[in-house]
């Protein structure tokens, strides 16, 4: 397989405990379809609470390293700073250099936000129960 951005032959490598293909020139990497989920799971494994992966995609001039279809670009989980490329046939995702780390940061943030939300809701529920008991027994 060749890099969709510069045509360099991709090399097998291990990133974030995943076997992936990396471009030695631009440091981009190819993730097979299920490997994006495996990457995210390293920071936040609750698929139900990850949120929408993409809303819409736009065609690019780059070709899928597996099937040669034109890749489509999309905004990853509504984070404008992360624009990923995907194969429209479902073969996988192209990540430019550093986007793998950005994805992990987004997932860690999402997990932390949900933990804080659960703590606040629990505290509010406890407060309201105390208020209800004090009003109920007067």
Protein backbone atom coordinates (compact mmCIF):
# COMPACT_ATOMS: atom_id res chain seq x y z
CA UNK A 1 0.00 0.00 0.00
CA UNK A 2 1.10 3.55 -0.70
CA UNK A 3 0.54 6.79 1.18
CA UNK A 4 -2.49 8.62 -0.25
CA UNK A 5 -0.80 11.98 0.37
CA UNK A 6 2.69 11.49 -1.12
CA UNK A 7 2.76 8.02 -2.71
CA UNK A 8 5.48 6.60 -0.43
CA UNK A 9 5.22 2.88 0.34
CA UNK A 10 3.61 2.39 3.73
CA UNK A 11 5.49 0.39 6.34
CA UNK A 12 4.12 -1.86 9.04
CA UNK A 13 4.49 -0.38 12.50
CA UNK A 14 3.03 -0.54 15.98
CA UNK A 15 1.36 2.62 17.27
CA UNK A 16 -0.63 2.75 20.48
CA UNK A 17 -0.38 -1.06 20.67
CA UNK A 18 -2.00 -1.42 17.23
CA UNK A 19 -0.46 -2.92 14.13
CA UNK A 20 -0.85 -0.16 11.50
CA UNK A 21 0.72 1.03 8.26
CA UNK A 22 2.74 4.26 8.51
CA UNK A 23 4.18 6.58 5.90
CA UNK A 24 7.89 7.08 6.68
CA UNK A 25 7.84 10.42 4.83
CA UNK A 26 4.82 12.28 6.25
CA UNK A 27 4.20 10.12 9.38
CA UNK A 28 0.55 9.65 8.46
CA UNK A 29 -1.01 6.29 9.19
CA UNK A 30 -3.60 3.95 7.79
CA UNK A 31 -6.09 2.35 10.16
CA UNK A 32 -8.22 -0.52 8.95
CA UNK A 33 -11.91 0.05 9.63
CA UNK A 34 -12.04 -1.53 13.11
CA UNK A 35 -8.69 -0.09 14.19
CA UNK A 36 -10.10 3.43 14.66
CA UNK A 37 -12.47 2.04 17.29
CA UNK A 38 -9.61 0.11 18.90
CA UNK A 39 -7.53 3.31 19.03
CA UNK A 40 -10.40 5.21 20.69
CA UNK A 41 -10.96 2.34 23.15
CA UNK A 42 -7.51 2.92 24.59
CA UNK A 43 -8.80 6.16 26.10
CA UNK A 44 -12.57 5.64 26.29
CA UNK A 45 -14.20 2.31 25.50
CA UNK A 46 -17.91 3.11 25.97
CA UNK A 47 -19.11 3.11 22.34
CA UNK A 48 -22.59 4.22 23.34
CA UNK A 49 -21.26 7.50 24.79
CA UNK A 50 -18.59 8.31 22.21
CA UNK A 51 -20.98 10.43 20.16
CA UNK A 52 -21.44 10.66 16.42
CA UNK A 53 -18.33 9.84 14.42
CA UNK A 54 -19.27 12.11 11.52
CA UNK A 55 -22.14 14.17 10.23
CA UNK A 56 -21.18 14.52 6.58
CA UNK A 57 -18.20 13.89 4.34
CA UNK A 58 -16.60 15.65 1.38
CA UNK A 59 -14.70 14.07 -1.51
CA UNK A 60 -10.92 14.50 -1.65
CA UNK A 61 -8.31 14.05 -4.35
CA UNK A 62 -6.60 11.26 -2.38
CA UNK A 63 -7.00 7.55 -3.09
CA UNK A 64 -7.61 4.72 -0.64
CA UNK A 65 -4.39 2.72 -0.26
CA UNK A 66 -6.40 -0.51 -0.32
CA UNK A 67 -9.01 -0.14 -3.07
CA UNK A 68 -7.99 3.09 -4.85
CA UNK A 69 -11.41 4.76 -4.34
CA UNK A 70 -11.30 8.49 -3.67
CA UNK A 71 -11.14 9.10 0.06
CA UNK A 72 -13.73 11.30 1.75
CA UNK A 73 -12.83 13.86 4.41
CA UNK A 74 -14.96 14.40 7.49
CA UNK A 75 -14.81 16.34 10.74
CA UNK A 76 -14.11 13.82 13.48
CA UNK A 77 -16.79 13.87 16.20
CA UNK A 78 -17.46 17.59 15.61
CA UNK A 79 -13.89 18.58 16.50
CA UNK A 80 -13.01 21.10 13.79
CA UNK A 81 -9.29 20.63 14.38
CA UNK A 82 -9.47 16.95 13.33
CA UNK A 83 -10.24 16.25 9.68
CA UNK A 84 -9.91 12.54 8.90
CA UNK A 85 -10.09 10.79 5.56
CA UNK A 86 -12.12 7.61 5.14
CA UNK A 87 -12.58 5.07 2.42
CA UNK A 88 -16.18 5.29 1.14
CA UNK A 89 -16.15 1.48 0.76
CA UNK A 90 -15.32 1.00 4.44
CA UNK A 91 -11.71 -0.14 4.09
CA UNK A 92 -10.37 2.25 6.72
CA UNK A 93 -9.14 5.70 7.71
CA UNK A 94 -6.16 7.85 6.87
CA UNK A 95 -4.79 9.93 9.74
CA UNK A 96 -2.32 12.71 9.10
CA UNK A 97 0.68 12.98 11.44
CA UNK A 98 -0.42 13.57 15.04
CA UNK A 99 -4.12 12.96 14.49
CA UNK A 100 -3.91 9.66 16.39
CA UNK A 101 -2.82 11.57 19.50
CA UNK A 102 -5.58 14.15 18.97
CA UNK A 103 -8.16 11.35 18.79
CA UNK A 104 -6.93 9.94 22.10
CA UNK A 105 -7.12 13.42 23.65
CA UNK A 106 -10.73 13.81 22.45
CA UNK A 107 -11.68 10.42 23.89
CA UNK A 108 -10.00 11.16 27.23
CA UNK A 109 -11.81 14.49 27.38
CA UNK A 110 -15.13 12.81 26.54
CA UNK A 111 -14.65 10.21 29.27
CA UNK A 112 -13.73 12.91 31.82
CA UNK A 113 -16.73 15.04 30.85
CA UNK A 114 -19.09 12.11 31.35
CA UNK A 115 -17.54 11.26 34.74
CA UNK A 116 -17.94 14.88 35.89
CA UNK A 117 -21.53 14.95 34.63
CA UNK A 118 -22.35 11.75 36.53
CA UNK A 119 -20.82 13.19 39.74
CA UNK A 120 -22.79 16.44 39.40
CA UNK A 121 -26.03 14.59 38.69
CA UNK A 122 -25.48 12.29 41.66
CA UNK A 123 -24.77 15.26 43.93
CA UNK A 124 -27.84 17.12 42.69
CA UNK A 125 -30.02 14.03 43.12
CA UNK A 126 -28.78 13.64 46.70
CA UNK A 127 -29.41 17.34 47.40
CA UNK A 128 -32.95 17.13 46.01
CA UNK A 129 -33.66 14.01 48.07
CA UNK A 130 -32.53 15.87 51.20
CA UNK A 131 -34.73 18.85 50.27
CA UNK A 132 -37.68 16.56 49.61
CA UNK A 133 -37.24 14.77 52.96
CA UNK A 134 -37.02 18.04 54.87
CA UNK A 135 -40.16 19.42 53.22
CA UNK A 136 -42.06 16.13 53.43
CA UNK A 137 -41.64 15.67 57.19
CA UNK A 138 -42.40 19.22 58.36
